[in-house]
N, C-alpha and C. Protein backbone atom coordinates (compact mmCIF):
# COMPACT_ATOMS: atom_id res chain seq x y z
N MET A 1 70.55 70.40 8.25
CA MET A 1 71.93 70.30 7.79
C MET A 1 72.87 70.37 8.98
N THR A 2 73.94 69.64 8.92
CA THR A 2 74.87 69.59 10.02
C THR A 2 76.08 70.46 9.70
N ALA A 3 76.38 71.38 10.61
CA ALA A 3 77.49 72.29 10.40
C ALA A 3 78.80 71.63 10.78
N HIS A 4 79.87 72.05 10.09
CA HIS A 4 81.22 71.59 10.41
C HIS A 4 82.10 72.83 10.54
N PRO A 5 81.98 73.57 11.64
CA PRO A 5 82.69 74.84 11.75
C PRO A 5 84.19 74.67 11.90
N HIS A 6 84.92 75.61 11.39
CA HIS A 6 86.36 75.65 11.58
C HIS A 6 86.71 76.50 12.80
N ASP A 7 85.80 77.31 13.25
CA ASP A 7 86.07 78.23 14.35
C ASP A 7 84.78 78.44 15.11
N GLU A 8 84.72 77.97 16.37
CA GLU A 8 83.50 78.08 17.14
C GLU A 8 83.14 79.54 17.43
N ALA A 9 84.12 80.48 17.29
CA ALA A 9 83.85 81.87 17.56
C ALA A 9 83.11 82.55 16.42
N LEU A 10 83.06 81.91 15.26
CA LEU A 10 82.35 82.49 14.13
C LEU A 10 80.86 82.56 14.41
N SER A 11 80.20 83.59 13.87
CA SER A 11 78.75 83.63 13.93
C SER A 11 78.19 82.52 13.08
N ALA A 12 76.91 82.18 13.30
CA ALA A 12 76.28 81.14 12.49
C ALA A 12 76.33 81.50 11.01
N ALA A 13 76.08 82.77 10.69
CA ALA A 13 76.09 83.19 9.29
C ALA A 13 77.49 83.04 8.68
N ALA A 14 78.50 83.49 9.41
CA ALA A 14 79.87 83.38 8.90
C ALA A 14 80.30 81.93 8.79
N LEU A 15 79.89 81.12 9.76
CA LEU A 15 80.22 79.69 9.74
C LEU A 15 79.69 79.03 8.48
N TRP A 16 78.40 79.25 8.22
CA TRP A 16 77.79 78.59 7.07
C TRP A 16 78.23 79.20 5.75
N ASP A 17 78.45 80.51 5.71
CA ASP A 17 78.97 81.09 4.48
C ASP A 17 80.34 80.50 4.14
N ALA A 18 81.17 80.30 5.18
CA ALA A 18 82.47 79.70 4.94
C ALA A 18 82.33 78.26 4.43
N ARG A 19 81.36 77.55 4.98
CA ARG A 19 81.12 76.16 4.54
C ARG A 19 80.70 76.13 3.07
N TYR A 20 79.78 77.01 2.68
CA TYR A 20 79.30 77.01 1.30
C TYR A 20 80.36 77.55 0.33
N ALA A 21 81.23 78.40 0.83
CA ALA A 21 82.28 78.95 -0.03
C ALA A 21 83.34 77.92 -0.39
N GLU A 22 83.35 76.78 0.29
CA GLU A 22 84.34 75.75 0.02
C GLU A 22 84.16 75.10 -1.35
N SER A 23 82.93 75.16 -1.89
CA SER A 23 82.65 74.48 -3.15
C SER A 23 81.51 75.19 -3.86
N HIS A 24 81.47 75.03 -5.18
CA HIS A 24 80.39 75.64 -5.95
C HIS A 24 79.04 75.01 -5.60
N ARG A 25 79.05 73.75 -5.25
CA ARG A 25 77.82 73.07 -4.83
C ARG A 25 78.17 72.11 -3.70
N ILE A 26 77.46 72.25 -2.58
CA ILE A 26 77.70 71.39 -1.43
C ILE A 26 76.80 70.16 -1.47
N TRP A 27 75.53 70.36 -1.80
CA TRP A 27 74.56 69.27 -1.78
C TRP A 27 74.24 68.80 -3.20
N SER A 28 73.51 67.71 -3.31
CA SER A 28 73.26 67.08 -4.61
C SER A 28 72.30 67.88 -5.49
N GLY A 29 71.47 68.70 -4.88
CA GLY A 29 70.41 69.38 -5.63
C GLY A 29 69.11 68.60 -5.63
N ASN A 30 69.16 67.35 -5.19
CA ASN A 30 67.96 66.53 -5.10
C ASN A 30 67.23 66.79 -3.79
N PRO A 31 65.92 66.59 -3.75
CA PRO A 31 65.20 66.74 -2.49
C PRO A 31 65.56 65.61 -1.53
N ASN A 32 65.41 65.87 -0.25
CA ASN A 32 65.61 64.82 0.75
C ASN A 32 64.59 63.71 0.54
N ALA A 33 65.06 62.47 0.61
CA ALA A 33 64.19 61.33 0.34
C ALA A 33 63.01 61.27 1.29
N THR A 34 63.20 61.65 2.53
CA THR A 34 62.10 61.60 3.49
C THR A 34 61.04 62.63 3.15
N LEU A 35 61.43 63.80 2.68
CA LEU A 35 60.45 64.78 2.25
C LEU A 35 59.61 64.23 1.12
N VAL A 36 60.25 63.61 0.14
CA VAL A 36 59.53 63.03 -0.99
C VAL A 36 58.53 61.99 -0.50
N ARG A 37 58.98 61.14 0.41
CA ARG A 37 58.11 60.08 0.92
C ARG A 37 56.92 60.65 1.70
N GLU A 38 57.18 61.66 2.53
CA GLU A 38 56.16 62.13 3.45
C GLU A 38 55.27 63.24 2.90
N ALA A 39 55.72 63.94 1.87
CA ALA A 39 54.96 65.08 1.37
C ALA A 39 54.36 64.86 -0.01
N ALA A 40 54.70 63.76 -0.66
CA ALA A 40 54.23 63.55 -2.03
C ALA A 40 52.72 63.55 -2.13
N ASP A 41 52.03 63.07 -1.10
CA ASP A 41 50.58 62.95 -1.16
C ASP A 41 49.85 64.12 -0.50
N LEU A 42 50.58 65.10 -0.01
CA LEU A 42 49.94 66.25 0.62
C LEU A 42 49.41 67.21 -0.44
N ALA A 43 48.24 67.80 -0.17
CA ALA A 43 47.70 68.80 -1.09
C ALA A 43 48.56 70.06 -1.02
N PRO A 44 48.97 70.61 -2.16
CA PRO A 44 49.83 71.80 -2.14
C PRO A 44 49.16 72.99 -1.46
N GLY A 45 49.97 73.75 -0.75
CA GLY A 45 49.52 74.97 -0.09
C GLY A 45 50.74 75.85 0.12
N ARG A 46 50.86 76.41 1.32
CA ARG A 46 52.03 77.22 1.67
C ARG A 46 52.99 76.37 2.48
N ALA A 47 54.25 76.38 2.09
CA ALA A 47 55.27 75.57 2.77
C ALA A 47 56.40 76.45 3.26
N LEU A 48 56.97 76.06 4.39
CA LEU A 48 58.15 76.71 4.94
C LEU A 48 59.25 75.67 5.03
N ASP A 49 60.39 75.95 4.39
CA ASP A 49 61.55 75.06 4.40
C ASP A 49 62.62 75.70 5.28
N ILE A 50 62.83 75.12 6.47
CA ILE A 50 63.76 75.67 7.45
C ILE A 50 65.15 75.09 7.19
N GLY A 51 66.13 75.97 7.01
CA GLY A 51 67.47 75.52 6.65
C GLY A 51 67.50 74.99 5.24
N CYS A 52 67.06 75.82 4.30
CA CYS A 52 66.81 75.36 2.92
C CYS A 52 68.09 75.09 2.14
N GLY A 53 69.23 75.60 2.61
CA GLY A 53 70.48 75.36 1.90
C GLY A 53 70.42 75.83 0.46
N GLU A 54 70.83 74.99 -0.46
CA GLU A 54 70.87 75.36 -1.88
C GLU A 54 69.55 75.13 -2.59
N GLY A 55 68.50 74.78 -1.83
CA GLY A 55 67.15 74.85 -2.37
C GLY A 55 66.53 73.58 -2.91
N GLY A 56 67.17 72.43 -2.74
CA GLY A 56 66.64 71.20 -3.33
C GLY A 56 65.22 70.88 -2.89
N ASP A 57 64.94 70.97 -1.59
CA ASP A 57 63.60 70.65 -1.09
C ASP A 57 62.58 71.70 -1.53
N ALA A 58 62.94 72.96 -1.39
CA ALA A 58 62.01 74.04 -1.75
C ALA A 58 61.64 73.97 -3.23
N ILE A 59 62.60 73.69 -4.07
CA ILE A 59 62.34 73.60 -5.51
C ILE A 59 61.43 72.41 -5.81
N TRP A 60 61.68 71.28 -5.16
CA TRP A 60 60.84 70.09 -5.37
C TRP A 60 59.39 70.40 -4.99
N LEU A 61 59.20 71.08 -3.87
CA LEU A 61 57.84 71.45 -3.46
C LEU A 61 57.20 72.41 -4.46
N ALA A 62 57.95 73.40 -4.90
CA ALA A 62 57.40 74.38 -5.84
C ALA A 62 57.01 73.72 -7.16
N GLU A 63 57.79 72.75 -7.59
CA GLU A 63 57.47 72.03 -8.82
C GLU A 63 56.16 71.26 -8.70
N ARG A 64 55.74 71.00 -7.48
CA ARG A 64 54.50 70.26 -7.24
C ARG A 64 53.36 71.17 -6.79
N GLY A 65 53.51 72.46 -7.03
CA GLY A 65 52.42 73.38 -6.82
C GLY A 65 52.41 74.14 -5.52
N TRP A 66 53.39 73.90 -4.67
CA TRP A 66 53.44 74.61 -3.40
C TRP A 66 53.98 76.04 -3.61
N THR A 67 53.51 76.95 -2.77
CA THR A 67 54.13 78.27 -2.63
C THR A 67 55.05 78.18 -1.43
N VAL A 68 56.33 78.44 -1.64
CA VAL A 68 57.33 78.08 -0.64
C VAL A 68 58.08 79.31 -0.14
N THR A 69 58.35 79.30 1.16
CA THR A 69 59.31 80.22 1.76
C THR A 69 60.50 79.39 2.21
N GLY A 70 61.66 79.67 1.65
CA GLY A 70 62.88 78.97 2.03
C GLY A 70 63.75 79.89 2.86
N ILE A 71 64.20 79.41 4.02
CA ILE A 71 65.00 80.26 4.90
C ILE A 71 66.32 79.59 5.22
N ASP A 72 67.35 80.42 5.38
CA ASP A 72 68.66 79.90 5.74
C ASP A 72 69.47 81.04 6.35
N VAL A 73 70.52 80.66 7.09
CA VAL A 73 71.39 81.66 7.70
C VAL A 73 72.54 82.04 6.78
N SER A 74 72.73 81.31 5.68
CA SER A 74 73.80 81.59 4.74
C SER A 74 73.26 82.33 3.53
N ARG A 75 73.76 83.52 3.32
CA ARG A 75 73.35 84.29 2.14
C ARG A 75 73.91 83.66 0.86
N ILE A 76 75.06 83.01 0.96
CA ILE A 76 75.61 82.32 -0.20
C ILE A 76 74.67 81.20 -0.63
N ALA A 77 74.19 80.42 0.34
CA ALA A 77 73.26 79.33 0.02
C ALA A 77 71.98 79.88 -0.58
N LEU A 78 71.46 80.96 -0.03
CA LEU A 78 70.21 81.52 -0.54
C LEU A 78 70.37 82.02 -1.98
N ALA A 79 71.50 82.63 -2.28
CA ALA A 79 71.74 83.09 -3.65
C ALA A 79 71.81 81.91 -4.62
N ARG A 80 72.45 80.84 -4.21
CA ARG A 80 72.51 79.66 -5.07
C ARG A 80 71.12 79.05 -5.25
N ALA A 81 70.36 78.99 -4.14
CA ALA A 81 69.02 78.41 -4.22
C ALA A 81 68.15 79.21 -5.18
N ALA A 82 68.23 80.53 -5.11
CA ALA A 82 67.44 81.37 -6.01
C ALA A 82 67.84 81.14 -7.46
N GLU A 83 69.13 80.99 -7.71
CA GLU A 83 69.60 80.73 -9.07
C GLU A 83 69.09 79.38 -9.58
N HIS A 84 69.16 78.36 -8.72
CA HIS A 84 68.69 77.03 -9.13
C HIS A 84 67.19 77.04 -9.38
N ALA A 85 66.44 77.79 -8.56
CA ALA A 85 64.99 77.86 -8.75
C ALA A 85 64.65 78.52 -10.08
N ARG A 86 65.39 79.57 -10.44
CA ARG A 86 65.16 80.22 -11.74
C ARG A 86 65.46 79.24 -12.87
N GLU A 87 66.54 78.47 -12.73
CA GLU A 87 66.90 77.50 -13.76
C GLU A 87 65.81 76.45 -13.93
N LYS A 88 65.14 76.10 -12.84
CA LYS A 88 64.08 75.09 -12.88
C LYS A 88 62.72 75.68 -13.26
N GLY A 89 62.64 76.99 -13.41
CA GLY A 89 61.40 77.64 -13.81
C GLY A 89 60.39 77.83 -12.71
N VAL A 90 60.84 77.79 -11.44
CA VAL A 90 59.91 77.96 -10.32
C VAL A 90 60.32 79.12 -9.42
N GLY A 91 61.13 80.01 -9.95
CA GLY A 91 61.60 81.12 -9.14
C GLY A 91 60.49 81.99 -8.60
N ASP A 92 59.37 82.07 -9.33
CA ASP A 92 58.26 82.91 -8.90
C ASP A 92 57.41 82.26 -7.82
N ARG A 93 57.67 81.01 -7.50
CA ARG A 93 56.89 80.30 -6.49
C ARG A 93 57.58 80.23 -5.13
N ILE A 94 58.80 80.75 -5.07
CA ILE A 94 59.59 80.63 -3.84
C ILE A 94 60.09 82.00 -3.39
N GLU A 95 59.90 82.30 -2.12
CA GLU A 95 60.50 83.46 -1.47
C GLU A 95 61.68 82.97 -0.63
N TRP A 96 62.82 83.63 -0.81
CA TRP A 96 64.01 83.26 -0.05
C TRP A 96 64.26 84.31 1.02
N GLU A 97 64.37 83.88 2.26
CA GLU A 97 64.54 84.82 3.37
C GLU A 97 65.76 84.42 4.21
N TRP A 98 66.54 85.44 4.59
CA TRP A 98 67.66 85.22 5.50
C TRP A 98 67.17 85.32 6.94
N HIS A 99 67.49 84.32 7.74
CA HIS A 99 67.16 84.35 9.17
C HIS A 99 68.27 83.69 9.97
N ASP A 100 68.64 84.34 11.06
CA ASP A 100 69.41 83.68 12.12
C ASP A 100 68.36 83.20 13.10
N LEU A 101 68.05 81.92 13.05
CA LEU A 101 66.88 81.41 13.75
C LEU A 101 66.97 81.52 15.26
N GLY A 102 68.15 81.81 15.78
CA GLY A 102 68.25 82.08 17.19
C GLY A 102 67.67 83.44 17.55
N ALA A 103 67.44 84.28 16.53
CA ALA A 103 66.96 85.64 16.79
C ALA A 103 65.66 85.97 16.06
N THR A 104 65.46 85.44 14.86
CA THR A 104 64.27 85.79 14.08
C THR A 104 63.65 84.54 13.47
N PHE A 105 62.35 84.65 13.14
CA PHE A 105 61.63 83.54 12.53
C PHE A 105 60.61 84.12 11.57
N PRO A 106 60.33 83.44 10.45
CA PRO A 106 59.37 83.98 9.48
C PRO A 106 57.99 84.18 10.09
N THR A 107 57.28 85.16 9.56
CA THR A 107 55.92 85.43 10.01
C THR A 107 54.93 84.65 9.14
N GLY A 108 53.71 84.54 9.64
CA GLY A 108 52.65 83.91 8.86
C GLY A 108 52.47 82.45 9.21
N GLY A 109 51.43 81.84 8.60
CA GLY A 109 51.12 80.44 8.83
C GLY A 109 51.36 79.61 7.58
N PHE A 110 51.58 78.31 7.78
CA PHE A 110 51.96 77.42 6.68
C PHE A 110 51.22 76.09 6.79
N ASP A 111 50.97 75.49 5.63
CA ASP A 111 50.34 74.18 5.57
C ASP A 111 51.35 73.05 5.75
N LEU A 112 52.60 73.35 5.49
CA LEU A 112 53.69 72.40 5.72
C LEU A 112 54.90 73.17 6.22
N VAL A 113 55.44 72.73 7.34
CA VAL A 113 56.71 73.27 7.84
C VAL A 113 57.68 72.10 7.91
N SER A 114 58.79 72.21 7.19
CA SER A 114 59.76 71.12 7.05
C SER A 114 61.12 71.57 7.56
N ALA A 115 61.70 70.75 8.43
CA ALA A 115 63.05 71.02 8.95
C ALA A 115 63.85 69.73 8.84
N HIS A 116 64.81 69.73 7.95
CA HIS A 116 65.65 68.55 7.74
C HIS A 116 67.07 68.80 8.26
N PHE A 117 67.50 67.95 9.16
CA PHE A 117 68.88 67.94 9.66
C PHE A 117 69.29 69.30 10.22
N LEU A 118 68.46 69.81 11.10
CA LEU A 118 68.73 71.10 11.75
C LEU A 118 69.65 70.85 12.94
N HIS A 119 70.90 70.54 12.64
CA HIS A 119 71.91 70.27 13.65
C HIS A 119 73.08 71.22 13.43
N SER A 120 73.78 71.55 14.49
CA SER A 120 74.97 72.38 14.36
C SER A 120 75.86 72.15 15.56
N HIS A 121 77.18 72.19 15.33
CA HIS A 121 78.13 72.10 16.43
C HIS A 121 78.18 73.41 17.21
N GLY A 122 77.65 74.47 16.64
CA GLY A 122 77.64 75.77 17.30
C GLY A 122 76.45 75.91 18.25
N ASP A 123 76.22 77.13 18.68
CA ASP A 123 75.15 77.43 19.64
C ASP A 123 73.84 77.60 18.88
N LEU A 124 73.06 76.54 18.80
CA LEU A 124 71.80 76.55 18.08
C LEU A 124 70.66 76.20 19.03
N PRO A 125 69.73 77.11 19.28
CA PRO A 125 68.61 76.81 20.17
C PRO A 125 67.56 75.96 19.46
N ARG A 126 67.91 74.72 19.17
CA ARG A 126 67.11 73.87 18.29
C ARG A 126 65.69 73.66 18.81
N GLU A 127 65.55 73.37 20.10
CA GLU A 127 64.22 73.10 20.63
C GLU A 127 63.32 74.32 20.50
N ALA A 128 63.85 75.50 20.80
CA ALA A 128 63.06 76.72 20.69
C ALA A 128 62.67 76.99 19.24
N ILE A 129 63.59 76.73 18.32
CA ILE A 129 63.30 76.93 16.89
C ILE A 129 62.19 75.99 16.45
N LEU A 130 62.26 74.74 16.86
CA LEU A 130 61.24 73.78 16.45
C LEU A 130 59.89 74.08 17.09
N ARG A 131 59.88 74.66 18.28
CA ARG A 131 58.59 75.09 18.86
C ARG A 131 58.01 76.24 18.05
N SER A 132 58.86 77.14 17.57
CA SER A 132 58.39 78.21 16.69
C SER A 132 57.86 77.62 15.39
N ALA A 133 58.53 76.57 14.90
CA ALA A 133 58.07 75.91 13.68
C ALA A 133 56.68 75.32 13.88
N ALA A 134 56.45 74.68 15.01
CA ALA A 134 55.13 74.12 15.30
C ALA A 134 54.07 75.21 15.37
N ALA A 135 54.42 76.33 15.97
CA ALA A 135 53.47 77.43 16.11
C ALA A 135 53.08 78.02 14.76
N ALA A 136 53.93 77.84 13.75
CA ALA A 136 53.66 78.38 12.42
C ALA A 136 52.78 77.49 11.56
N VAL A 137 52.46 76.29 12.04
CA VAL A 137 51.64 75.36 11.26
C VAL A 137 50.17 75.71 11.41
N LEU A 138 49.47 75.83 10.29
CA LEU A 138 48.05 76.13 10.29
C LEU A 138 47.24 74.89 10.65
N PRO A 139 46.03 75.05 11.19
CA PRO A 139 45.17 73.88 11.43
C PRO A 139 45.01 73.05 10.16
N GLY A 140 45.19 71.75 10.31
CA GLY A 140 45.18 70.84 9.16
C GLY A 140 46.53 70.65 8.53
N GLY A 141 47.50 71.48 8.91
CA GLY A 141 48.83 71.42 8.32
C GLY A 141 49.73 70.42 9.02
N VAL A 142 50.92 70.23 8.44
CA VAL A 142 51.86 69.20 8.88
C VAL A 142 53.20 69.82 9.25
N LEU A 143 53.77 69.33 10.33
CA LEU A 143 55.14 69.64 10.71
C LEU A 143 55.98 68.39 10.51
N LEU A 144 57.04 68.51 9.72
CA LEU A 144 57.92 67.39 9.40
C LEU A 144 59.33 67.73 9.86
N ILE A 145 59.84 66.92 10.80
CA ILE A 145 61.18 67.14 11.35
C ILE A 145 61.99 65.87 11.13
N VAL A 146 63.10 66.00 10.43
CA VAL A 146 63.97 64.85 10.13
C VAL A 146 65.36 65.15 10.68
N GLY A 147 65.94 64.19 11.38
CA GLY A 147 67.26 64.41 11.97
C GLY A 147 68.11 63.16 11.94
N HIS A 148 69.37 63.33 12.33
CA HIS A 148 70.28 62.20 12.45
C HIS A 148 70.10 61.55 13.82
N SER A 149 70.18 60.24 13.86
CA SER A 149 70.15 59.52 15.13
C SER A 149 71.55 59.24 15.67
N GLY A 150 72.54 59.52 14.90
CA GLY A 150 73.92 59.32 15.35
C GLY A 150 74.89 59.87 14.31
N LEU A 151 76.13 60.03 14.73
CA LEU A 151 77.16 60.53 13.81
C LEU A 151 77.56 59.44 12.83
N PRO A 152 78.03 59.80 11.64
CA PRO A 152 78.47 58.79 10.67
C PRO A 152 79.73 58.08 11.15
N ALA A 153 79.92 56.86 10.66
CA ALA A 153 81.06 56.06 11.10
C ALA A 153 82.39 56.72 10.75
N TRP A 154 82.40 57.56 9.72
CA TRP A 154 83.67 58.16 9.29
C TRP A 154 83.98 59.48 10.01
N GLU A 155 83.12 59.92 10.89
CA GLU A 155 83.35 61.18 11.61
C GLU A 155 84.59 61.03 12.48
N GLU A 156 85.65 61.81 12.19
CA GLU A 156 86.92 61.66 12.89
C GLU A 156 86.99 62.48 14.17
N ASN A 157 86.16 63.51 14.26
CA ASN A 157 86.25 64.39 15.42
C ASN A 157 84.84 64.62 15.98
N PRO A 158 84.29 63.62 16.66
CA PRO A 158 82.93 63.77 17.18
C PRO A 158 82.81 64.96 18.11
N HIS A 159 81.64 65.56 18.11
CA HIS A 159 81.35 66.70 18.96
C HIS A 159 80.24 66.30 19.94
N PRO A 160 80.61 65.83 21.13
CA PRO A 160 79.59 65.32 22.06
C PRO A 160 78.61 66.39 22.50
N GLU A 161 78.97 67.67 22.35
CA GLU A 161 78.04 68.72 22.76
C GLU A 161 76.88 68.88 21.80
N MET A 162 76.97 68.31 20.60
CA MET A 162 75.89 68.39 19.64
C MET A 162 74.90 67.27 19.89
N GLU A 163 73.73 67.62 20.35
CA GLU A 163 72.72 66.63 20.70
C GLU A 163 72.04 66.10 19.44
N LEU A 164 71.88 64.79 19.39
CA LEU A 164 71.15 64.14 18.30
C LEU A 164 70.00 63.36 18.93
N PRO A 165 68.89 64.04 19.20
CA PRO A 165 67.82 63.42 19.98
C PRO A 165 67.02 62.39 19.18
N THR A 166 66.36 61.51 19.90
CA THR A 166 65.45 60.55 19.30
C THR A 166 64.19 61.28 18.85
N PRO A 167 63.40 60.68 17.95
CA PRO A 167 62.16 61.34 17.55
C PRO A 167 61.20 61.52 18.72
N ALA A 168 61.19 60.59 19.66
CA ALA A 168 60.33 60.74 20.83
C ALA A 168 60.76 61.93 21.67
N SER A 169 62.08 62.15 21.78
CA SER A 169 62.58 63.31 22.52
C SER A 169 62.21 64.61 21.82
N VAL A 170 62.28 64.61 20.50
CA VAL A 170 61.89 65.80 19.74
C VAL A 170 60.41 66.10 19.97
N LEU A 171 59.59 65.07 19.92
CA LEU A 171 58.15 65.25 20.15
C LEU A 171 57.89 65.82 21.54
N ALA A 172 58.54 65.28 22.55
CA ALA A 172 58.34 65.77 23.91
C ALA A 172 58.77 67.23 24.05
N ALA A 173 59.90 67.58 23.40
CA ALA A 173 60.42 68.94 23.50
C ALA A 173 59.52 69.97 22.83
N LEU A 174 58.69 69.54 21.87
CA LEU A 174 57.79 70.48 21.20
C LEU A 174 56.70 70.99 22.14
N GLU A 175 56.39 70.23 23.18
CA GLU A 175 55.38 70.62 24.18
C GLU A 175 54.05 70.95 23.51
N LEU A 176 53.60 70.05 22.63
CA LEU A 176 52.37 70.26 21.89
C LEU A 176 51.16 70.11 22.82
N PRO A 177 50.16 70.98 22.69
CA PRO A 177 48.98 70.88 23.54
C PRO A 177 48.23 69.57 23.31
N ASP A 178 47.75 68.98 24.39
CA ASP A 178 46.99 67.74 24.28
C ASP A 178 45.75 67.95 23.42
N GLY A 179 45.54 67.00 22.50
CA GLY A 179 44.34 67.02 21.68
C GLY A 179 44.40 67.93 20.47
N ALA A 180 45.47 68.72 20.35
CA ALA A 180 45.56 69.68 19.24
C ALA A 180 46.37 69.15 18.07
N TRP A 181 47.07 68.02 18.27
CA TRP A 181 47.96 67.49 17.24
C TRP A 181 47.77 65.98 17.13
N GLU A 182 48.00 65.47 15.92
CA GLU A 182 47.96 64.04 15.65
C GLU A 182 49.35 63.60 15.21
N VAL A 183 49.90 62.58 15.88
CA VAL A 183 51.20 62.05 15.51
C VAL A 183 51.03 61.06 14.36
N LEU A 184 51.61 61.38 13.21
CA LEU A 184 51.51 60.53 12.02
C LEU A 184 52.70 59.59 11.88
N ARG A 185 53.86 60.03 12.34
CA ARG A 185 55.05 59.18 12.27
C ARG A 185 56.04 59.66 13.32
N CYS A 186 56.62 58.71 14.04
CA CYS A 186 57.64 59.02 15.05
C CYS A 186 58.54 57.78 15.13
N GLU A 187 59.60 57.78 14.30
CA GLU A 187 60.37 56.55 14.17
C GLU A 187 61.76 56.80 13.60
N GLU A 188 62.64 55.82 13.80
CA GLU A 188 63.95 55.83 13.18
C GLU A 188 63.90 55.02 11.88
N HIS A 189 64.82 55.32 10.97
CA HIS A 189 64.86 54.60 9.70
C HIS A 189 66.27 54.66 9.13
N GLU A 190 66.59 53.69 8.29
CA GLU A 190 67.91 53.63 7.67
C GLU A 190 67.96 54.48 6.40
N ARG A 191 69.15 54.99 6.13
CA ARG A 191 69.38 55.75 4.89
C ARG A 191 70.78 55.43 4.39
N ILE A 192 70.91 55.27 3.09
CA ILE A 192 72.22 55.01 2.48
C ILE A 192 72.87 56.34 2.12
N GLN A 193 74.10 56.51 2.57
CA GLN A 193 74.86 57.72 2.27
C GLN A 193 76.29 57.33 1.94
N ASN A 194 76.86 57.97 0.95
CA ASN A 194 78.25 57.70 0.59
C ASN A 194 79.19 58.33 1.61
N ASP A 195 80.24 57.58 1.98
CA ASP A 195 81.26 58.14 2.86
C ASP A 195 82.20 59.02 2.04
N PRO A 196 83.17 59.67 2.67
CA PRO A 196 84.07 60.57 1.91
C PRO A 196 84.81 59.90 0.77
N ASP A 197 84.94 58.57 0.81
CA ASP A 197 85.60 57.85 -0.28
C ASP A 197 84.63 57.38 -1.35
N GLY A 198 83.34 57.74 -1.19
CA GLY A 198 82.35 57.35 -2.18
C GLY A 198 81.73 55.98 -1.96
N LYS A 199 82.04 55.34 -0.83
CA LYS A 199 81.50 54.02 -0.55
C LYS A 199 80.15 54.15 0.15
N PRO A 200 79.11 53.48 -0.35
CA PRO A 200 77.79 53.56 0.30
C PRO A 200 77.82 52.94 1.69
N THR A 201 77.29 53.68 2.66
CA THR A 201 77.19 53.18 4.02
C THR A 201 75.79 53.47 4.55
N THR A 202 75.43 52.76 5.61
CA THR A 202 74.10 52.92 6.19
C THR A 202 74.16 53.86 7.39
N ARG A 203 73.26 54.84 7.39
CA ARG A 203 73.10 55.73 8.53
C ARG A 203 71.70 55.57 9.09
N ILE A 204 71.54 55.93 10.35
CA ILE A 204 70.23 55.90 10.99
C ILE A 204 69.75 57.34 11.18
N ASP A 205 68.64 57.66 10.59
CA ASP A 205 67.99 58.95 10.78
C ASP A 205 66.65 58.75 11.48
N ASN A 206 65.98 59.83 11.79
CA ASN A 206 64.67 59.71 12.41
C ASN A 206 63.71 60.74 11.85
N THR A 207 62.44 60.42 11.92
CA THR A 207 61.39 61.27 11.36
C THR A 207 60.29 61.48 12.40
N LEU A 208 59.90 62.72 12.55
CA LEU A 208 58.71 63.08 13.31
C LEU A 208 57.78 63.84 12.38
N LYS A 209 56.57 63.34 12.22
CA LYS A 209 55.57 63.97 11.37
C LYS A 209 54.30 64.10 12.17
N VAL A 210 53.84 65.33 12.37
CA VAL A 210 52.63 65.57 13.17
C VAL A 210 51.70 66.52 12.40
N ARG A 211 50.42 66.31 12.57
CA ARG A 211 49.43 67.16 11.92
C ARG A 211 48.68 67.97 12.98
N ARG A 212 48.52 69.25 12.69
CA ARG A 212 47.79 70.10 13.62
C ARG A 212 46.29 69.94 13.39
N ILE A 213 45.58 69.55 14.42
CA ILE A 213 44.15 69.33 14.32
C ILE A 213 43.37 70.60 14.58
N SER A 214 43.81 71.39 15.54
CA SER A 214 43.10 72.62 15.90
C SER A 214 44.09 73.67 16.34
N ALA A 215 43.63 74.90 16.39
CA ALA A 215 44.49 76.01 16.77
C ALA A 215 44.82 75.93 18.26
């Protein structure tokens, strides 16, 4: 998820809580299309959803038999996600954890670790977080990282300090040991998103999907 802070001095938690407080629902509630495409055929196991927001991805996984840990820096988002999960009847399949990923990371191993749009205009140690995400993947498990390849055309105040790396750059930054991982997908792709006026426009996102072969 991409942050739009009003004050760079705010902590990450305060920044995102303020963002979620702007509306009763920020996101659609639907799972990310890339997650559906890339995870639909995976055998259910333990999943970690990094930056889970209001829970759309975590709930979709739980509905398909996964045991999910959803993490976010916004307690408002986590409370909404838990409420939505209960409404969908999968509240018992998801653990919601608060983490400021610059300081803490969930413990344990996972068969799927998913990070969608982990971007922020603030101080986010993204590469270090994604290396922690890779370390949490169990042998045979999958790491799925989806990001933006560029800012939307309607962005009025671009933030050049926010890096939007290519999937190849993300892969290189993970520093994965030779022979221990298999690259399943590393590519850019188009996605249709409505602009602030509701007009469908095309954005370019990217996907990195890797499977851990050995410890």
